[in-house]
Amino acid sequence: MNELDQAILVRCLEGQPRGWEDFVDRFLGLVVHVIDHTVRVREIPIDTEQRDGLCEDVFAILYHDSFRILREFDGECSLTTYMTIIARRIVVRLLLNRKAKGIVTKERVAA
């Protein structure tokens, strides 16, 4: 893991000032990219508002339970790789949950 990512993660997990905000700033683009790729591959068109909602949900899940998912990072891969995998899993799960509730179709994703 590069030094910048390590410092951001440590600051976030320790609850230091702006730690969480800096973490979100660092990985926001990656999460948006993962969302865009995932819905494109699954042929689920979404609008900007829906993408923003999914992105917000991803970060809410990461924040939950004192950053439990982030604390499970073992450093065996880069933090970017870990975040890509975790974000994809979260997005797929959110989309599947919405589909099960009848909210997601190939024509529409409701927020």
N, C-alpha and C. Protein backbone atom coordinates (compact mmCIF):
# COMPACT_ATOMS: atom_id res chain seq x y z
N MET A 1 0.85 -1.17 0.00
CA MET A 1 0.00 0.00 0.00
C MET A 1 0.90 1.23 0.00
N ASN A 2 0.53 2.21 -0.83
CA ASN A 2 1.36 3.40 -0.87
C ASN A 2 1.16 4.23 0.40
N GLU A 3 2.11 5.09 0.67
CA GLU A 3 2.12 5.85 1.92
C GLU A 3 0.91 6.78 2.05
N LEU A 4 0.49 7.38 0.96
CA LEU A 4 -0.67 8.28 1.00
C LEU A 4 -1.92 7.53 1.40
N ASP A 5 -2.19 6.39 0.77
CA ASP A 5 -3.36 5.59 1.11
C ASP A 5 -3.30 5.10 2.55
N GLN A 6 -2.12 4.69 2.98
CA GLN A 6 -1.97 4.22 4.36
C GLN A 6 -2.28 5.34 5.34
N ALA A 7 -1.77 6.52 5.07
CA ALA A 7 -2.01 7.66 5.96
C ALA A 7 -3.49 8.03 5.99
N ILE A 8 -4.13 8.03 4.85
CA ILE A 8 -5.56 8.36 4.79
C ILE A 8 -6.37 7.31 5.54
N LEU A 9 -6.06 6.04 5.34
CA LEU A 9 -6.80 4.98 6.02
C LEU A 9 -6.61 5.07 7.54
N VAL A 10 -5.40 5.26 7.98
CA VAL A 10 -5.12 5.35 9.42
C VAL A 10 -5.87 6.53 10.03
N ARG A 11 -5.82 7.68 9.36
CA ARG A 11 -6.51 8.87 9.87
C ARG A 11 -8.01 8.63 9.96
N CYS A 12 -8.55 7.94 8.96
CA CYS A 12 -9.98 7.63 8.94
C CYS A 12 -10.33 6.69 10.10
N LEU A 13 -9.61 5.60 10.22
CA LEU A 13 -9.92 4.60 11.24
C LEU A 13 -9.70 5.12 12.65
N GLU A 14 -8.79 6.05 12.81
CA GLU A 14 -8.54 6.63 14.14
C GLU A 14 -9.48 7.79 14.46
N GLY A 15 -10.32 8.15 13.50
CA GLY A 15 -11.27 9.24 13.73
C GLY A 15 -10.62 10.61 13.82
N GLN A 16 -9.48 10.76 13.18
CA GLN A 16 -8.79 12.04 13.20
C GLN A 16 -9.57 13.06 12.38
N PRO A 17 -9.36 14.35 12.69
CA PRO A 17 -10.07 15.39 11.93
C PRO A 17 -9.87 15.22 10.43
N ARG A 18 -10.96 15.30 9.70
CA ARG A 18 -11.03 15.17 8.25
C ARG A 18 -10.58 13.81 7.73
N GLY A 19 -10.39 12.84 8.60
CA GLY A 19 -9.97 11.51 8.17
C GLY A 19 -10.98 10.87 7.23
N TRP A 20 -12.25 10.85 7.64
CA TRP A 20 -13.30 10.26 6.81
C TRP A 20 -13.48 11.07 5.54
N GLU A 21 -13.51 12.37 5.65
CA GLU A 21 -13.69 13.23 4.48
C GLU A 21 -12.58 13.03 3.46
N ASP A 22 -11.34 12.93 3.94
CA ASP A 22 -10.22 12.71 3.03
C ASP A 22 -10.30 11.32 2.38
N PHE A 23 -10.77 10.34 3.14
CA PHE A 23 -10.95 9.00 2.58
C PHE A 23 -11.98 9.05 1.46
N VAL A 24 -13.11 9.71 1.71
CA VAL A 24 -14.16 9.82 0.69
C VAL A 24 -13.62 10.56 -0.52
N ASP A 25 -12.93 11.67 -0.30
CA ASP A 25 -12.34 12.42 -1.42
C ASP A 25 -11.41 11.55 -2.24
N ARG A 26 -10.63 10.73 -1.58
CA ARG A 26 -9.64 9.89 -2.26
C ARG A 26 -10.31 8.82 -3.13
N PHE A 27 -11.43 8.25 -2.65
CA PHE A 27 -12.01 7.09 -3.33
C PHE A 27 -13.35 7.37 -4.02
N LEU A 28 -13.82 8.58 -3.99
CA LEU A 28 -15.10 8.91 -4.62
C LEU A 28 -15.10 8.58 -6.11
N GLY A 29 -14.08 9.00 -6.82
CA GLY A 29 -14.00 8.73 -8.26
C GLY A 29 -13.96 7.25 -8.57
N LEU A 30 -13.26 6.50 -7.76
CA LEU A 30 -13.18 5.05 -7.96
C LEU A 30 -14.55 4.42 -7.76
N VAL A 31 -15.27 4.82 -6.72
CA VAL A 31 -16.59 4.24 -6.45
C VAL A 31 -17.55 4.59 -7.59
N VAL A 32 -17.51 5.81 -8.07
CA VAL A 32 -18.37 6.21 -9.20
C VAL A 32 -18.03 5.36 -10.43
N HIS A 33 -16.76 5.15 -10.68
CA HIS A 33 -16.35 4.32 -11.81
C HIS A 33 -16.86 2.88 -11.65
N VAL A 34 -16.76 2.33 -10.46
CA VAL A 34 -17.24 0.98 -10.20
C VAL A 34 -18.75 0.90 -10.44
N ILE A 35 -19.47 1.89 -9.97
CA ILE A 35 -20.93 1.91 -10.18
C ILE A 35 -21.23 1.96 -11.68
N ASP A 36 -20.59 2.89 -12.39
CA ASP A 36 -20.84 3.02 -13.83
C ASP A 36 -20.53 1.71 -14.57
N HIS A 37 -19.42 1.10 -14.24
CA HIS A 37 -19.04 -0.15 -14.90
C HIS A 37 -20.04 -1.27 -14.57
N THR A 38 -20.41 -1.37 -13.31
CA THR A 38 -21.30 -2.44 -12.88
C THR A 38 -22.67 -2.34 -13.55
N VAL A 39 -23.24 -1.14 -13.60
CA VAL A 39 -24.57 -1.01 -14.22
C VAL A 39 -24.48 -1.17 -15.73
N ARG A 40 -23.36 -0.77 -16.32
CA ARG A 40 -23.18 -0.94 -17.77
C ARG A 40 -23.10 -2.43 -18.12
N VAL A 41 -22.31 -3.17 -17.37
CA VAL A 41 -22.16 -4.61 -17.62
C VAL A 41 -23.48 -5.34 -17.42
N ARG A 42 -24.25 -4.91 -16.43
CA ARG A 42 -25.54 -5.54 -16.14
C ARG A 42 -26.69 -4.94 -16.95
N GLU A 43 -26.34 -4.00 -17.83
CA GLU A 43 -27.32 -3.36 -18.71
C GLU A 43 -28.47 -2.73 -17.92
N ILE A 44 -28.12 -2.01 -16.86
CA ILE A 44 -29.11 -1.31 -16.05
C ILE A 44 -28.85 0.19 -16.19
N PRO A 45 -29.65 0.87 -17.00
CA PRO A 45 -29.44 2.31 -17.15
C PRO A 45 -29.85 3.06 -15.88
N ILE A 46 -29.01 3.96 -15.46
CA ILE A 46 -29.34 4.80 -14.31
C ILE A 46 -29.03 6.24 -14.66
N ASP A 47 -29.68 7.15 -13.96
CA ASP A 47 -29.37 8.56 -14.16
C ASP A 47 -28.39 9.03 -13.08
N THR A 48 -28.00 10.27 -13.16
CA THR A 48 -27.00 10.81 -12.23
C THR A 48 -27.48 10.76 -10.79
N GLU A 49 -28.74 11.05 -10.58
CA GLU A 49 -29.28 11.02 -9.22
C GLU A 49 -29.24 9.62 -8.64
N GLN A 50 -29.56 8.64 -9.44
CA GLN A 50 -29.53 7.25 -8.98
C GLN A 50 -28.10 6.79 -8.72
N ARG A 51 -27.18 7.21 -9.58
CA ARG A 51 -25.77 6.87 -9.37
C ARG A 51 -25.27 7.51 -8.07
N ASP A 52 -25.65 8.77 -7.85
CA ASP A 52 -25.25 9.44 -6.61
C ASP A 52 -25.80 8.72 -5.39
N GLY A 53 -27.04 8.22 -5.50
CA GLY A 53 -27.64 7.47 -4.40
C GLY A 53 -26.90 6.19 -4.10
N LEU A 54 -26.52 5.47 -5.16
CA LEU A 54 -25.73 4.25 -4.97
C LEU A 54 -24.38 4.57 -4.33
N CYS A 55 -23.77 5.64 -4.79
CA CYS A 55 -22.47 6.05 -4.25
C CYS A 55 -22.60 6.39 -2.75
N GLU A 56 -23.64 7.12 -2.43
CA GLU A 56 -23.90 7.46 -1.02
C GLU A 56 -24.10 6.19 -0.20
N ASP A 57 -24.84 5.23 -0.75
CA ASP A 57 -25.07 3.97 -0.05
C ASP A 57 -23.76 3.20 0.18
N VAL A 58 -22.88 3.19 -0.81
CA VAL A 58 -21.59 2.51 -0.67
C VAL A 58 -20.82 3.11 0.50
N PHE A 59 -20.73 4.43 0.54
CA PHE A 59 -19.96 5.06 1.62
C PHE A 59 -20.65 4.92 2.97
N ALA A 60 -21.97 4.89 2.99
CA ALA A 60 -22.69 4.66 4.25
C ALA A 60 -22.38 3.28 4.80
N ILE A 61 -22.32 2.30 3.91
CA ILE A 61 -22.01 0.93 4.34
C ILE A 61 -20.56 0.86 4.83
N LEU A 62 -19.66 1.54 4.17
CA LEU A 62 -18.26 1.56 4.63
C LEU A 62 -18.13 2.23 5.99
N TYR A 63 -18.94 3.24 6.24
CA TYR A 63 -18.90 4.00 7.50
C TYR A 63 -19.52 3.21 8.66
N HIS A 64 -20.46 2.35 8.33
CA HIS A 64 -21.23 1.60 9.32
C HIS A 64 -20.33 0.78 10.25
N ASP A 65 -20.77 0.65 11.47
CA ASP A 65 -20.13 -0.22 12.46
C ASP A 65 -18.65 0.13 12.64
N SER A 66 -18.39 1.44 12.81
CA SER A 66 -17.03 1.92 13.05
C SER A 66 -16.05 1.47 11.98
N PHE A 67 -16.48 1.55 10.72
CA PHE A 67 -15.62 1.23 9.57
C PHE A 67 -15.20 -0.24 9.56
N ARG A 68 -16.09 -1.12 9.98
CA ARG A 68 -15.76 -2.55 10.08
C ARG A 68 -15.13 -3.09 8.79
N ILE A 69 -15.73 -2.77 7.65
CA ILE A 69 -15.20 -3.29 6.38
C ILE A 69 -13.79 -2.78 6.12
N LEU A 70 -13.55 -1.53 6.44
CA LEU A 70 -12.21 -0.96 6.23
C LEU A 70 -11.20 -1.56 7.22
N ARG A 71 -11.66 -1.86 8.42
CA ARG A 71 -10.76 -2.47 9.41
C ARG A 71 -10.36 -3.89 9.02
N GLU A 72 -11.15 -4.52 8.16
CA GLU A 72 -10.83 -5.88 7.70
C GLU A 72 -9.75 -5.89 6.61
N PHE A 73 -9.37 -4.73 6.10
CA PHE A 73 -8.31 -4.65 5.09
C PHE A 73 -7.02 -5.16 5.69
N ASP A 74 -6.42 -6.18 5.05
CA ASP A 74 -5.22 -6.81 5.60
C ASP A 74 -3.93 -6.39 4.92
N GLY A 75 -4.03 -5.55 3.90
CA GLY A 75 -2.83 -5.05 3.26
C GLY A 75 -2.19 -6.00 2.27
N GLU A 76 -2.83 -7.12 1.96
CA GLU A 76 -2.24 -8.06 1.02
C GLU A 76 -2.35 -7.60 -0.43
N CYS A 77 -3.18 -6.58 -0.66
CA CYS A 77 -3.28 -5.96 -1.98
C CYS A 77 -3.28 -4.45 -1.73
N SER A 78 -3.35 -3.68 -2.78
CA SER A 78 -3.40 -2.24 -2.58
C SER A 78 -4.77 -1.85 -2.04
N LEU A 79 -4.84 -0.72 -1.38
CA LEU A 79 -6.12 -0.23 -0.87
C LEU A 79 -7.06 0.07 -2.04
N THR A 80 -6.52 0.50 -3.16
CA THR A 80 -7.34 0.77 -4.34
C THR A 80 -7.99 -0.52 -4.85
N THR A 81 -7.23 -1.60 -4.90
CA THR A 81 -7.78 -2.88 -5.32
C THR A 81 -8.85 -3.35 -4.34
N TYR A 82 -8.57 -3.24 -3.07
CA TYR A 82 -9.54 -3.64 -2.04
C TYR A 82 -10.82 -2.83 -2.18
N MET A 83 -10.70 -1.52 -2.34
CA MET A 83 -11.88 -0.66 -2.47
C MET A 83 -12.67 -0.99 -3.73
N THR A 84 -11.98 -1.32 -4.81
CA THR A 84 -12.67 -1.70 -6.05
C THR A 84 -13.51 -2.96 -5.82
N ILE A 85 -12.93 -3.95 -5.20
CA ILE A 85 -13.64 -5.22 -4.95
C ILE A 85 -14.80 -5.00 -3.99
N ILE A 86 -14.55 -4.28 -2.91
CA ILE A 86 -15.60 -4.05 -1.91
C ILE A 86 -16.74 -3.22 -2.52
N ALA A 87 -16.40 -2.16 -3.24
CA ALA A 87 -17.43 -1.31 -3.84
C ALA A 87 -18.27 -2.10 -4.83
N ARG A 88 -17.63 -2.94 -5.64
CA ARG A 88 -18.37 -3.76 -6.61
C ARG A 88 -19.32 -4.70 -5.89
N ARG A 89 -18.85 -5.35 -4.85
CA ARG A 89 -19.71 -6.28 -4.10
C ARG A 89 -20.91 -5.54 -3.49
N ILE A 90 -20.67 -4.37 -2.93
CA ILE A 90 -21.75 -3.59 -2.33
C ILE A 90 -22.75 -3.17 -3.39
N VAL A 91 -22.27 -2.66 -4.52
CA VAL A 91 -23.16 -2.20 -5.59
C VAL A 91 -23.99 -3.35 -6.13
N VAL A 92 -23.38 -4.49 -6.37
CA VAL A 92 -24.12 -5.65 -6.87
C VAL A 92 -25.18 -6.06 -5.86
N ARG A 93 -24.82 -6.11 -4.59
CA ARG A 93 -25.79 -6.48 -3.56
C ARG A 93 -26.95 -5.47 -3.50
N LEU A 94 -26.65 -4.19 -3.59
CA LEU A 94 -27.70 -3.17 -3.58
C LEU A 94 -28.63 -3.33 -4.78
N LEU A 95 -28.04 -3.56 -5.95
CA LEU A 95 -28.85 -3.74 -7.16
C LEU A 95 -29.71 -5.00 -7.07
N LEU A 96 -29.15 -6.08 -6.56
CA LEU A 96 -29.92 -7.31 -6.41
C LEU A 96 -31.05 -7.14 -5.41
N ASN A 97 -30.79 -6.43 -4.31
CA ASN A 97 -31.84 -6.17 -3.33
C ASN A 97 -32.95 -5.34 -3.93
N ARG A 98 -32.59 -4.35 -4.72
CA ARG A 98 -33.60 -3.52 -5.36
C ARG A 98 -34.38 -4.31 -6.40
N LYS A 99 -33.69 -5.18 -7.11
CA LYS A 99 -34.38 -6.01 -8.10
C LYS A 99 -35.35 -6.95 -7.41
N ALA A 100 -34.94 -7.54 -6.30
CA ALA A 100 -35.81 -8.44 -5.55
C ALA A 100 -37.06 -7.73 -5.05
N LYS A 101 -36.93 -6.45 -4.78
CA LYS A 101 -38.07 -5.66 -4.31
C LYS A 101 -38.88 -5.10 -5.47
N GLY A 102 -38.45 -5.43 -6.70
CA GLY A 102 -39.17 -4.95 -7.88
C GLY A 102 -38.83 -3.53 -8.26
N ILE A 103 -37.75 -3.00 -7.74
CA ILE A 103 -37.37 -1.62 -8.02
C ILE A 103 -36.48 -1.52 -9.25
N VAL A 104 -35.69 -2.54 -9.54
CA VAL A 104 -34.73 -2.50 -10.63
C VAL A 104 -35.22 -3.34 -11.79
N THR A 105 -35.19 -2.76 -12.98
CA THR A 105 -35.40 -3.51 -14.21
C THR A 105 -34.32 -3.07 -15.17
N LYS A 106 -34.24 -3.71 -16.31
CA LYS A 106 -33.26 -3.27 -17.31
C LYS A 106 -33.63 -1.90 -17.86
N GLU A 107 -34.88 -1.52 -17.70
CA GLU A 107 -35.32 -0.22 -18.23
C GLU A 107 -35.18 0.89 -17.21
N ARG A 108 -35.17 0.54 -15.88
CA ARG A 108 -35.26 1.59 -14.88
C ARG A 108 -34.65 1.13 -13.55
N VAL A 109 -33.98 2.08 -12.88
CA VAL A 109 -33.54 1.87 -11.51
C VAL A 109 -34.15 2.98 -10.70
N ALA A 110 -34.96 2.67 -9.74
CA ALA A 110 -35.56 3.68 -8.87
C ALA A 110 -34.65 3.90 -7.67
N ALA A 111 -34.56 5.12 -7.25
CA ALA A 111 -33.70 5.44 -6.10
C ALA A 111 -34.32 4.98 -4.80
